[in-house]
Structure formats: C-alpha cells, structure tokens
C-alpha atoms as a PDB file:
ATOM      1  CA  MET A   1      -8.441  -5.130  13.733  1.00  0.00           C
ATOM      2  CA  LEU A   2     -10.487  -4.866  10.562  1.00  0.00           C
ATOM      3  CA  SER A   3     -12.857  -7.774  10.255  1.00  0.00           C
ATOM      4  CA  LEU A   4     -13.585  -8.597   6.653  1.00  0.00           C
ATOM      5  CA  SER A   5     -14.380 -11.925   5.084  1.00  0.00           C
ATOM      6  CA  PRO A   6     -11.569 -13.587   3.162  1.00  0.00           C
ATOM      7  CA  VAL A   7     -11.795 -13.291  -0.600  1.00  0.00           C
ATOM      8  CA  ASN A   8     -10.437 -15.998  -2.883  1.00  0.00           C
ATOM      9  CA  SER A   9     -10.331 -16.304  -6.645  1.00  0.00           C
ATOM     10  CA  ALA A  10      -8.040 -17.433  -9.430  1.00  0.00           C
ATOM     11  CA  ILE A  11      -6.804 -15.051 -12.083  1.00  0.00           C
ATOM     12  CA  ALA A  12      -7.031 -16.655 -15.506  1.00  0.00           C
ATOM     13  CA  GLY A  13      -4.567 -15.751 -18.230  1.00  0.00           C
ATOM     14  CA  GLY A  14      -1.463 -13.669 -17.692  1.00  0.00           C
ATOM     15  CA  ALA A  15       2.110 -14.877 -17.366  1.00  0.00           C
ATOM     16  CA  MET A  16       1.949 -16.160 -13.822  1.00  0.00           C
ATOM     17  CA  ALA A  17       0.003 -18.961 -12.148  1.00  0.00           C
ATOM     18  CA  TYR A  18      -1.509 -16.501  -9.708  1.00  0.00           C
ATOM     19  CA  VAL A  19      -4.223 -17.202  -7.173  1.00  0.00           C
ATOM     20  CA  PHE A  20      -5.784 -14.241  -5.371  1.00  0.00           C
ATOM     21  CA  ASP A  21      -6.106 -15.351  -1.730  1.00  0.00           C
ATOM     22  CA  LEU A  22      -6.735 -12.413   0.580  1.00  0.00           C
ATOM     23  CA  GLU A  23      -6.985 -13.206   4.263  1.00  0.00           C
ATOM     24  CA  GLU A  24      -7.916 -11.102   7.283  1.00  0.00           C
ATOM     25  CA  VAL A  25      -5.280  -8.487   8.106  1.00  0.00           C
ATOM     26  CA  GLU A  26      -3.728  -8.021  11.519  1.00  0.00           C
ATOM     27  CA  PRO A  27      -1.416  -5.050  10.948  1.00  0.00           C
ATOM     28  CA  GLU A  28       2.041  -5.506  12.400  1.00  0.00           C
ATOM     29  CA  VAL A  29       4.625  -2.796  11.822  1.00  0.00           C
ATOM     30  CA  PHE A  30       8.177  -3.943  11.155  1.00  0.00           C
ATOM     31  CA  VAL A  31      11.282  -1.988  10.204  1.00  0.00           C
ATOM     32  CA  ASP A  32      13.484  -3.142   7.330  1.00  0.00           C
ATOM     33  CA  ASN A  33      17.256  -2.724   7.015  1.00  0.00           C
ATOM     34  CA  LEU A  34      16.785   0.666   5.296  1.00  0.00           C
ATOM     35  CA  GLY A  35      14.755   2.044   8.199  1.00  0.00           C
ATOM     36  CA  SER A  36      11.391   1.886   6.422  1.00  0.00           C
ATOM     37  CA  GLU A  37       8.424   1.132   8.650  1.00  0.00           C
ATOM     38  CA  ILE A  38       6.256  -1.426   6.868  1.00  0.00           C
ATOM     39  CA  VAL A  39       2.910  -3.187   7.147  1.00  0.00           C
ATOM     40  CA  GLU A  40       2.183  -5.766   4.474  1.00  0.00           C
ATOM     41  CA  PHE A  41      -0.348  -8.435   3.701  1.00  0.00           C
ATOM     42  CA  ALA A  42      -0.603 -11.194   1.136  1.00  0.00           C
ATOM     43  CA  LEU A  43      -2.828 -10.599  -1.852  1.00  0.00           C
ATOM     44  CA  GLY A  44      -2.212 -14.070  -3.195  1.00  0.00           C
ATOM     45  CA  TYR A  45       0.356 -16.500  -4.453  1.00  0.00           C
ATOM     46  CA  ASP A  46       2.143 -17.490  -7.634  1.00  0.00           C
ATOM     47  CA  LEU A  47       2.833 -21.110  -6.767  1.00  0.00           C
ATOM     48  CA  ALA A  48       4.618 -21.822 -10.040  1.00  0.00           C
ATOM     49  CA  GLY A  49       7.110 -19.092  -9.196  1.00  0.00           C
ATOM     50  CA  ASP A  50       7.146 -19.827  -5.434  1.00  0.00           C
ATOM     51  CA  LEU A  51       6.105 -16.235  -4.748  1.00  0.00           C
ATOM     52  CA  ALA A  52       3.805 -14.484  -2.314  1.00  0.00           C
ATOM     53  CA  ILE A  53       2.261 -11.391  -3.884  1.00  0.00           C
ATOM     54  CA  LEU A  54       2.099  -8.697  -1.206  1.00  0.00           C
ATOM     55  CA  MET A  55       0.568  -5.287  -0.715  1.00  0.00           C
ATOM     56  CA  SER A  56       3.202  -3.283   1.128  1.00  0.00           C
ATOM     57  CA  VAL A  57       2.389  -0.026   2.874  1.00  0.00           C
ATOM     58  CA  MET A  58       5.438   1.806   4.154  1.00  0.00           C
ATOM     59  CA  LEU A  59       6.864   4.947   5.612  1.00  0.00           C
ATOM     60  CA  ALA A  60      10.273   5.382   3.965  1.00  0.00           C
ATOM     61  CA  PRO A  61      12.753   7.771   5.618  1.00  0.00           C
ATOM     62  CA  CYS A  62      13.162  10.945   3.587  1.00  0.00           C
ATOM     63  CA  GLY A  63      15.185  13.510   5.537  1.00  0.00           C
ATOM     64  CA  GLU A  64      13.092  14.875   8.398  1.00  0.00           C
ATOM     65  CA  ALA A  65       9.955  13.246   7.027  1.00  0.00           C
ATOM     66  CA  ALA A  66       8.747   9.809   6.027  1.00  0.00           C
ATOM     67  CA  ASP A  67       7.314   9.209   2.576  1.00  0.00           C
ATOM     68  CA  LEU A  68       4.113   7.136   2.543  1.00  0.00           C
ATOM     69  CA  ARG A  69       4.222   4.534  -0.209  1.00  0.00           C
ATOM     70  CA  PHE A  70       2.025   1.588  -1.062  1.00  0.00           C
ATOM     71  CA  GLY A  71       2.358  -0.920  -3.841  1.00  0.00           C
ATOM     72  CA  ILE A  72       2.668  -4.539  -4.844  1.00  0.00           C
ATOM     73  CA  ARG A  73       5.782  -6.582  -4.117  1.00  0.00           C
ATOM     74  CA  GLU A  74       6.815 -10.171  -4.707  1.00  0.00           C
ATOM     75  CA  LYS A  75       8.349 -12.200  -1.896  1.00  0.00           C
ATOM     76  CA  ASP A  76      10.212 -15.439  -2.506  1.00  0.00           C
ATOM     77  CA  LEU A  77       8.550 -18.224  -0.504  1.00  0.00           C
ATOM     78  CA  ASN A  78      11.882 -20.042  -0.119  1.00  0.00           C
ATOM     79  CA  LYS A  79      14.096 -17.071   0.759  1.00  0.00           C
ATOM     80  CA  ASP A  80      12.367 -14.822   3.288  1.00  0.00           C
ATOM     81  CA  TRP A  81      14.844 -12.002   2.659  1.00  0.00           C
ATOM     82  CA  LYS A  82      14.230 -11.867  -1.106  1.00  0.00           C
ATOM     83  CA  VAL A  83      11.560  -9.217  -1.785  1.00  0.00           C
ATOM     84  CA  SER A  84      11.086  -7.066  -4.881  1.00  0.00           C
ATOM     85  CA  GLY A  85      10.710  -3.313  -4.899  1.00  0.00           C
ATOM     86  CA  LEU A  86       7.299  -1.659  -4.934  1.00  0.00           C
ATOM     87  CA  CYS A  87       5.296  -1.743  -8.153  1.00  0.00           C
ATOM     88  CA  TYR A  88       2.714   1.013  -8.622  1.00  0.00           C
ATOM     89  CA  GLU A  89       1.616   0.223 -12.164  1.00  0.00           C
ATOM     90  CA  ARG A  90      -2.085  -0.089 -13.070  1.00  0.00           C
ATOM     91  CA  GLU A  91      -1.424  -3.224 -15.088  1.00  0.00           C
ATOM     92  CA  ARG A  92       0.053  -4.986 -12.048  1.00  0.00           C
ATOM     93  CA  VAL A  93      -2.897  -3.913  -9.880  1.00  0.00           C
ATOM     94  CA  GLN A  94      -5.326  -5.266 -12.472  1.00  0.00           C
ATOM     95  CA  GLU A  95      -3.349  -8.499 -12.646  1.00  0.00           C
ATOM     96  CA  CYS A  96      -3.207  -9.035  -8.868  1.00  0.00           C
ATOM     97  CA  ILE A  97      -6.392  -7.478  -7.469  1.00  0.00           C
ATOM     98  CA  PRO A  98      -9.749  -8.471  -8.947  1.00  0.00           C
ATOM     99  CA  GLY A  99     -12.214  -5.617  -9.361  1.00  0.00           C
ATOM    100  CA  HIS A 100     -14.592  -7.062  -6.761  1.00  0.00           C
ATOM    101  CA  ALA A 101     -11.857  -6.829  -4.103  1.00  0.00           C
ATOM    102  CA  ARG A 102     -10.639  -3.250  -4.651  1.00  0.00           C
ATOM    103  CA  ASP A 103     -12.726  -1.737  -1.840  1.00  0.00           C
ATOM    104  CA  ILE A 104     -11.533  -4.404   0.605  1.00  0.00           C
ATOM    105  CA  ILE A 105      -7.906  -3.807  -0.372  1.00  0.00           C
ATOM    106  CA  LEU A 106      -8.354  -0.054   0.147  1.00  0.00           C
ATOM    107  CA  ALA A 107      -9.822  -0.740   3.591  1.00  0.00           C
ATOM    108  CA  TYR A 108      -6.804  -2.939   4.418  1.00  0.00           C
ATOM    109  CA  ILE A 109      -4.426  -0.231   3.159  1.00  0.00           C
ATOM    110  CA  CYS A 110      -6.177   2.286   5.429  1.00  0.00           C
ATOM    111  CA  VAL A 111      -5.800  -0.070   8.409  1.00  0.00           C
ATOM    112  CA  ALA A 112      -2.088  -0.374   7.580  1.00  0.00           C
ATOM    113  CA  VAL A 113      -1.746   3.426   7.279  1.00  0.00           C
ATOM    114  CA  GLY A 114      -3.406   3.836  10.685  1.00  0.00           C
ATOM    115  CA  ALA A 115      -1.015   1.321  12.256  1.00  0.00           C
ATOM    116  CA  LEU A 116       1.989   3.082  10.718  1.00  0.00           C
ATOM    117  CA  ALA A 117       0.761   6.561  11.707  1.00  0.00           C
ATOM    118  CA  SER A 118       0.233   5.533  15.316  1.00  0.00           C
ATOM    119  CA  ALA A 119       3.601   3.732  15.542  1.00  0.00           C
ATOM    120  CA  THR A 120       5.900   6.174  13.745  1.00  0.00           C
ATOM    121  CA  GLN A 121       8.196   8.655  15.441  1.00  0.00           C
ATOM    122  CA  TYR A 122       8.090  10.943  12.408  1.00  0.00           C
ATOM    123  CA  ASN A 123       6.171  14.203  12.778  1.00  0.00           C
ATOM    124  CA  LYS A 124       5.973  14.759   9.016  1.00  0.00           C
ATOM    125  CA  ILE A 125       4.670  12.425   6.323  1.00  0.00           C
ATOM    126  CA  THR A 126       4.698  13.096   2.597  1.00  0.00           C
ATOM    127  CA  MET A 127       2.635  11.362  -0.065  1.00  0.00           C
ATOM    128  CA  GLU A 128       2.359  11.708  -3.837  1.00  0.00           C
ATOM    129  CA  THR A 129       0.467  10.109  -6.689  1.00  0.00           C
ATOM    130  CA  TYR A 130       2.324   7.882  -9.129  1.00  0.00           C
ATOM    131  CA  TYR A 131       0.264   8.850 -12.164  1.00  0.00           C
ATOM    132  CA  PRO A 132      -0.419  12.460 -13.174  1.00  0.00           C
ATOM    133  CA  ASN A 133      -3.815  14.109 -13.551  1.00  0.00           C
ATOM    134  CA  LEU A 134      -5.824  11.435 -11.772  1.00  0.00           C
ATOM    135  CA  PRO A 135      -9.596  11.844 -12.067  1.00  0.00           C
ATOM    136  CA  ALA A 136     -11.746  12.467  -8.997  1.00  0.00           C
ATOM    137  CA  ALA A 137     -12.749   8.796  -8.735  1.00  0.00           C
ATOM    138  CA  ALA A 138      -9.092   7.720  -8.551  1.00  0.00           C
ATOM    139  CA  MET A 139      -8.332  10.426  -5.989  1.00  0.00           C
ATOM    140  CA  GLN A 140     -10.863   8.912  -3.563  1.00  0.00           C
ATOM    141  CA  LYS A 141      -8.279   6.388  -2.333  1.00  0.00           C
ATOM    142  CA  TYR A 142      -5.894   9.223  -1.467  1.00  0.00           C
ATOM    143  CA  GLN A 143      -8.702  10.967   0.411  1.00  0.00           C
ATOM    144  CA  ALA A 144      -9.376   7.763   2.390  1.00  0.00           C
ATOM    145  CA  ILE A 145      -5.674   7.491   3.226  1.00  0.00           C
ATOM    146  CA  SER A 146      -5.542  11.185   4.199  1.00  0.00           C
ATOM    147  CA  ASN A 147      -8.544  10.655   6.468  1.00  0.00           C
ATOM    148  CA  GLN A 148      -6.768   7.737   8.134  1.00  0.00           C
ATOM    149  CA  LEU A 149      -3.693   9.874   8.805  1.00  0.00           C
ATOM    150  CA  MET A 150      -5.881  12.649  10.238  1.00  0.00           C
ATOM    151  CA  GLU A 151      -7.664  10.151  12.496  1.00  0.00           C
ATOM    152  CA  ASN A 152      -4.221   9.235  13.845  1.00  0.00           C
ATOM    153  CA  GLY A 153      -3.021  12.693  14.815  1.00  0.00           C
ATOM    154  CA  PHE A 154      -1.767  14.166  11.538  1.00  0.00           C
ATOM    155  CA  SER A 155      -3.166  17.164   9.699  1.00  0.00           C
ATOM    156  CA  VAL A 156      -2.690  18.316   6.130  1.00  0.00           C
ATOM    157  CA  GLU A 157      -0.194  21.160   6.108  1.00  0.00           C
ATOM    158  CA  THR A 158      -0.229  21.446   2.339  1.00  0.00           C
ATOM    159  CA  SER A 159      -1.543  19.645  -0.717  1.00  0.00           C
ATOM    160  CA  PHE A 160      -1.331  20.613  -4.365  1.00  0.00           C
ATOM    161  CA  ARG A 161      -1.168  19.378  -7.934  1.00  0.00           C
ATOM    162  CA  ASN A 162       2.101  20.397  -9.551  1.00  0.00           C
ATOM    163  CA  ASP A 163       2.530  21.488 -13.173  1.00  0.00           C
ATOM    164  CA  ASP A 164       3.481  17.892 -13.980  1.00  0.00           C
ATOM    165  CA  GLY A 165       0.008  16.736 -12.841  1.00  0.00           C
ATOM    166  CA  ILE A 166       1.323  14.824  -9.813  1.00  0.00           C
ATOM    167  CA  ASP A 167      -0.526  15.451  -6.545  1.00  0.00           C
ATOM    168  CA  TYR A 168       1.513  16.042  -3.373  1.00  0.00           C
ATOM    169  CA  TRP A 169       0.651  16.133   0.336  1.00  0.00           C
ATOM    170  CA  LEU A 170       2.522  17.078   3.486  1.00  0.00           C
ATOM    171  CA  PHE A 171       1.012  15.881   6.775  1.00  0.00           C
ATOM    172  CA  VAL A 172       2.263  17.083  10.150  1.00  0.00           C
ATOM    173  CA  LYS A 173       1.671  15.833  13.667  1.00  0.00           C
END
C-alpha cells in the first residue's frame, strides 16, 4: 500500500461545488459488466450534484489484449451503478486536481497500474496518449506508468509516435 498523507482543498469557481478530498489509496481490482478490470479512488466530491469524482484506472478488453486507460469519472452518490465514462480532457484535470496534488495522483495511478498488472490474466497491454505531440514533461507520466508495468512482469514490445502525433505502446508479459 502506498502511504501518502491525505490532501484536502476546495476548488473555487467553476460550475460545480467541488471539494478535492484525496484519501489514502488501498487498490482493489474489480471487474465491471463489460469485463474491464478497474481500480479507482475518489479525488473529491461535488456535494451539490451528489457526485463522487473518481480517478479510474482500467484495463479494458480489446481482442487479445487489454487497453490501459485512466481518467476522471463521476459516480452518483445515490445510485451506485450510475457512473460516467472516462474523461481525459486537460480542462477536467485542472478542475478536479489541484497543481500541488499532481505528483500524488500520479503515484496513486502507478499503484493502481501495479495492482492491475499483477491481477490481470492478459499477456498484452496497450496504451496510448489522448493528446498528440506531448512534450517531454508530459510524457514523464507515461514513463512512470511504463516503469510500473515493467516492475510487474511486462516489457515494452513496441512504442512509437504515429504520424498523427499520438504515442502508442504494446507491453507483453
């Protein structure tokens, strides 16, 4: 288990009454009705909208491989089954994760990736960037995630930046 101090702060402005309230993560892998293996943790809450704002890290089935995805989702606090799709947009990240907490969130994502990598039955994992032509500083999070996969028995079979500027990886066990 990763032991980090909780971080709490309120986000002023914006459309939602959001409170950033990150707590210690104990990664538990669960499988949803689509077969995705998921680890998620609360980033905070929008109490006016009765929503938990989550960081979801998942391995989604994709043929013989699983696609590694991570992003922000909203979960209805009154209907446990009601969860939004993943949001990868920079604006949402800026809205939900204060700058001072970005390194902690990345560490939590890496813990989640390690839990998924050690629990999955897949021998191949793919990953890609959402935005094209990311600068080196932005690519550091993908390197940290790649390192976590390698620490859990996967190796990089291939990685490249396509003509569209999107970076792709294939990891194999």
